[in-house]
């Protein structure tokens, strides 16, 4: 059996956007900027990965007010590939800031 689960933390690059699927299901998209330090030729360098995330249905609507630019978030989800582009399908999201966290999930 294969395993597809992603755990990623970063900051939103902009406010989340609401969109509608052709079947009428609401979804929210945003991008997380994830910083990492990497040693290159003996020198530490900062590198930023930009990771697209999508949240679907009622869960998406409940998250929207918390998903603002620069907000730190931890996302647990699955990698999906649509039209050759990868995106994280978020199952749970935790909004964090200043050492405290607020759990925002569906259960």
C-alpha atoms as a PDB file:
ATOM      1  CA  UNK A   1       0.000   0.000   0.000  1.00  0.00           C
ATOM      2  CA  UNK A   2       1.291   3.466  -0.880  1.00  0.00           C
ATOM      3  CA  UNK A   3       1.380   6.374   1.549  1.00  0.00           C
ATOM      4  CA  UNK A   4       0.615   9.968   0.542  1.00  0.00           C
ATOM      5  CA  UNK A   5       0.690  12.401   3.463  1.00  0.00           C
ATOM      6  CA  UNK A   6       2.370  15.793   3.757  1.00  0.00           C
ATOM      7  CA  UNK A   7       3.085  17.908   6.830  1.00  0.00           C
ATOM      8  CA  UNK A   8       4.306  21.417   6.024  1.00  0.00           C
ATOM      9  CA  UNK A   9       4.671  24.711   7.896  1.00  0.00           C
ATOM     10  CA  UNK A  10       5.099  28.198   6.500  1.00  0.00           C
ATOM     11  CA  UNK A  11       3.560  31.629   6.046  1.00  0.00           C
ATOM     12  CA  UNK A  12       0.829  32.597   3.613  1.00  0.00           C
ATOM     13  CA  UNK A  13       2.161  34.714   0.755  1.00  0.00           C
ATOM     14  CA  UNK A  14      -1.200  36.490   0.368  1.00  0.00           C
ATOM     15  CA  UNK A  15      -4.790  36.271   1.597  1.00  0.00           C
ATOM     16  CA  UNK A  16      -6.504  33.010   0.633  1.00  0.00           C
ATOM     17  CA  UNK A  17      -8.748  33.095  -2.441  1.00  0.00           C
ATOM     18  CA  UNK A  18     -12.209  31.586  -2.718  1.00  0.00           C
ATOM     19  CA  UNK A  19     -13.131  29.730  -5.892  1.00  0.00           C
ATOM     20  CA  UNK A  20     -15.989  27.512  -7.069  1.00  0.00           C
ATOM     21  CA  UNK A  21     -15.715  24.157  -8.834  1.00  0.00           C
ATOM     22  CA  UNK A  22     -18.004  23.499 -11.836  1.00  0.00           C
ATOM     23  CA  UNK A  23     -20.123  21.212  -9.625  1.00  0.00           C
ATOM     24  CA  UNK A  24     -20.721  24.095  -7.171  1.00  0.00           C
ATOM     25  CA  UNK A  25     -18.301  23.010  -4.436  1.00  0.00           C
ATOM     26  CA  UNK A  26     -16.511  25.942  -2.791  1.00  0.00           C
ATOM     27  CA  UNK A  27     -12.763  25.741  -2.327  1.00  0.00           C
ATOM     28  CA  UNK A  28     -10.020  27.996  -1.008  1.00  0.00           C
ATOM     29  CA  UNK A  29      -6.480  28.268  -2.349  1.00  0.00           C
ATOM     30  CA  UNK A  30      -3.343  29.843  -0.906  1.00  0.00           C
ATOM     31  CA  UNK A  31       0.423  29.530  -1.109  1.00  0.00           C
ATOM     32  CA  UNK A  32       2.740  28.797   1.815  1.00  0.00           C
ATOM     33  CA  UNK A  33       6.286  30.153   1.786  1.00  0.00           C
ATOM     34  CA  UNK A  34       8.499  27.610   3.565  1.00  0.00           C
ATOM     35  CA  UNK A  35      12.003  28.740   4.508  1.00  0.00           C
ATOM     36  CA  UNK A  36      14.860  26.299   4.780  1.00  0.00           C
ATOM     37  CA  UNK A  37      18.559  26.621   5.448  1.00  0.00           C
ATOM     38  CA  UNK A  38      20.787  24.681   3.092  1.00  0.00           C
ATOM     39  CA  UNK A  39      24.548  24.262   3.112  1.00  0.00           C
ATOM     40  CA  UNK A  40      26.048  25.081  -0.294  1.00  0.00           C
ATOM     41  CA  UNK A  41      29.834  24.886  -0.715  1.00  0.00           C
ATOM     42  CA  UNK A  42      30.309  25.109   3.057  1.00  0.00           C
ATOM     43  CA  UNK A  43      28.091  28.192   3.451  1.00  0.00           C
ATOM     44  CA  UNK A  44      24.555  28.241   4.858  1.00  0.00           C
ATOM     45  CA  UNK A  45      22.047  29.809   2.511  1.00  0.00           C
ATOM     46  CA  UNK A  46      18.343  30.525   2.943  1.00  0.00           C
ATOM     47  CA  UNK A  47      16.039  29.012   0.395  1.00  0.00           C
ATOM     48  CA  UNK A  48      12.287  29.514   0.066  1.00  0.00           C
ATOM     49  CA  UNK A  49       9.903  26.910  -1.308  1.00  0.00           C
ATOM     50  CA  UNK A  50       6.466  28.118  -2.425  1.00  0.00           C
ATOM     51  CA  UNK A  51       3.829  25.435  -1.905  1.00  0.00           C
ATOM     52  CA  UNK A  52       0.278  25.723  -3.303  1.00  0.00           C
ATOM     53  CA  UNK A  53      -2.514  24.504  -0.996  1.00  0.00           C
ATOM     54  CA  UNK A  54      -6.234  23.878  -1.575  1.00  0.00           C
ATOM     55  CA  UNK A  55      -9.032  23.298   0.961  1.00  0.00           C
ATOM     56  CA  UNK A  56     -12.487  22.100  -0.121  1.00  0.00           C
ATOM     57  CA  UNK A  57     -16.125  22.376   0.998  1.00  0.00           C
ATOM     58  CA  UNK A  58     -17.490  23.694   4.291  1.00  0.00           C
ATOM     59  CA  UNK A  59     -14.066  23.307   5.900  1.00  0.00           C
ATOM     60  CA  UNK A  60     -12.700  25.831   3.391  1.00  0.00           C
ATOM     61  CA  UNK A  61     -15.382  28.367   4.270  1.00  0.00           C
ATOM     62  CA  UNK A  62     -14.715  28.027   8.013  1.00  0.00           C
ATOM     63  CA  UNK A  63     -10.981  28.626   7.483  1.00  0.00           C
ATOM     64  CA  UNK A  64     -11.219  31.648   5.224  1.00  0.00           C
ATOM     65  CA  UNK A  65     -11.203  34.377   7.931  1.00  0.00           C
ATOM     66  CA  UNK A  66      -7.980  32.969   9.444  1.00  0.00           C
ATOM     67  CA  UNK A  67      -6.032  32.557   6.188  1.00  0.00           C
ATOM     68  CA  UNK A  68      -4.448  35.995   5.782  1.00  0.00           C
ATOM     69  CA  UNK A  69      -1.159  37.187   4.316  1.00  0.00           C
ATOM     70  CA  UNK A  70       1.869  36.518   6.588  1.00  0.00           C
ATOM     71  CA  UNK A  71      -0.154  34.200   8.854  1.00  0.00           C
ATOM     72  CA  UNK A  72       1.838  31.137   9.947  1.00  0.00           C
ATOM     73  CA  UNK A  73       0.080  27.824   9.291  1.00  0.00           C
ATOM     74  CA  UNK A  74       0.771  24.122   9.623  1.00  0.00           C
ATOM     75  CA  UNK A  75      -0.901  21.996   6.958  1.00  0.00           C
ATOM     76  CA  UNK A  76      -1.522  18.258   6.974  1.00  0.00           C
ATOM     77  CA  UNK A  77      -2.684  16.968   3.626  1.00  0.00           C
ATOM     78  CA  UNK A  78      -2.061  14.920   0.515  1.00  0.00           C
ATOM     79  CA  UNK A  79      -0.160  15.697  -2.673  1.00  0.00           C
ATOM     80  CA  UNK A  80      -2.322  15.839  -5.784  1.00  0.00           C
ATOM     81  CA  UNK A  81      -1.312  16.408  -9.382  1.00  0.00           C
ATOM     82  CA  UNK A  82      -3.782  18.114 -11.725  1.00  0.00           C
ATOM     83  CA  UNK A  83      -2.840  19.129 -15.259  1.00  0.00           C
ATOM     84  CA  UNK A  84       0.841  18.561 -14.444  1.00  0.00           C
ATOM     85  CA  UNK A  85       0.822  20.847 -11.386  1.00  0.00           C
ATOM     86  CA  UNK A  86       1.259  19.668  -7.812  1.00  0.00           C
ATOM     87  CA  UNK A  87      -0.900  21.007  -4.997  1.00  0.00           C
ATOM     88  CA  UNK A  88      -1.441  20.040  -1.363  1.00  0.00           C
ATOM     89  CA  UNK A  89      -5.034  18.998  -0.640  1.00  0.00           C
ATOM     90  CA  UNK A  90      -5.295  20.117   3.013  1.00  0.00           C
ATOM     91  CA  UNK A  91      -7.090  17.811   5.427  1.00  0.00           C
ATOM     92  CA  UNK A  92      -6.241  19.739   8.614  1.00  0.00           C
ATOM     93  CA  UNK A  93      -4.779  23.193   9.200  1.00  0.00           C
ATOM     94  CA  UNK A  94      -3.410  24.705  12.384  1.00  0.00           C
ATOM     95  CA  UNK A  95      -2.974  28.480  12.518  1.00  0.00           C
ATOM     96  CA  UNK A  96       0.035  29.394  14.668  1.00  0.00           C
ATOM     97  CA  UNK A  97       1.546  32.643  15.867  1.00  0.00           C
ATOM     98  CA  UNK A  98       3.818  33.750  18.670  1.00  0.00           C
ATOM     99  CA  UNK A  99       4.297  30.315  20.231  1.00  0.00           C
ATOM    100  CA  UNK A 100       0.598  29.555  20.496  1.00  0.00           C
ATOM    101  CA  UNK A 101      -1.599  27.736  18.067  1.00  0.00           C
ATOM    102  CA  UNK A 102      -5.260  27.750  17.202  1.00  0.00           C
ATOM    103  CA  UNK A 103      -6.646  24.511  15.858  1.00  0.00           C
ATOM    104  CA  UNK A 104      -8.899  25.059  12.902  1.00  0.00           C
ATOM    105  CA  UNK A 105     -10.087  21.746  11.523  1.00  0.00           C
ATOM    106  CA  UNK A 106     -13.144  19.672  10.810  1.00  0.00           C
ATOM    107  CA  UNK A 107     -12.987  17.387  13.801  1.00  0.00           C
END
